[in-house]
Amino acid sequence: MTHTLVLDRSYGLDDLFALTLNRYPLARKKKKTIRVSDTTSLVWNPSANEATIEVPMHRDGGPSEIPDGFGFDTAFPNGVPAGEEREILEFALNAVRRLGGKVVTDTGHELAPHQFMQPSLHVIAAYELAPKDLLEIVQKIVKESELVGETEGFPYMISAPIFAHADLVVEATTLEEDIPAIEHVEWVKEGAALYTVAYRPDDPSSLVAENPEKPQIREWREAYLGCSAVARAIWDETGGFVLDYENFLVNPNELF
């Protein structure tokens, strides 16, 4: 059996390919096939609005001690995917998280991460905002926001209470990692500022859930709305790029 990526009918092969390039910039589309690498492809079936995931099987041990939030332990009780298989499955799950749909594994399980799971956004900008300037931006949205500690420049952090048990945190740092979706941009190569807008509950395990209850979904959504408003306000000031927590590009004009 093979894995299948089933997309919401609102989206199709071109949308999937655009998202694929965020993670695999060298991917190529020919007719109905997206070739990710020499050994991994997504073969599109337009009548079912789904893609068959062709990848060598690589399973590693049994269930992990810490749930991953994707549901791999449930779907693969005899050994979770590893290596290239794990990588393409994680991409597929992020694709359905962003576009809607589900991933049907070769074991027959259906996985569908909620779109608001792990509410967090990144703004990549060409220049650094002074702490007082960023604080002013955030306070327009959450007036109780405050700088954490004493600082005059990068790196620094702003914290804003949004629930009794959770804060919205903005971390201003220098971009260190290579992000496939934007690594070709010259000013990013030369050095960029990274503003991470994240929801930080007292219990980090509440950030992910394979089958979230309605109260959890409502909280994720409210947290995402807060992160979205702050990220959009930062982007309005700095320009640059907005990405989700898995470093897939987000259209700033579609932020709430």
Foldseek 3Di string as FASTA:
>chain_A
DFKKQAFDPVDADVLLVLQLCQQQVPWDDDDQKIRRDPQWIWGADVVRRMTTIGHDFDWAAADDPDDPQQCQNVQCRGGGTDDPVVVVVVSSQVSCLVGNGWMQGPSGDTTHWHVLQFQKKKFKFLDFDWPVVLQVLLCVQAVQKDWDDDDGGPFTKIWGDDDPFKIWMKTKHKDDDQRSNCNVPVSVVVTIIMIMTGIGGNDVVLSHDRDDDPVSVVVSVVSNLSNLSSSLSVCVVGPGFMATPVRGTDDNVPGD
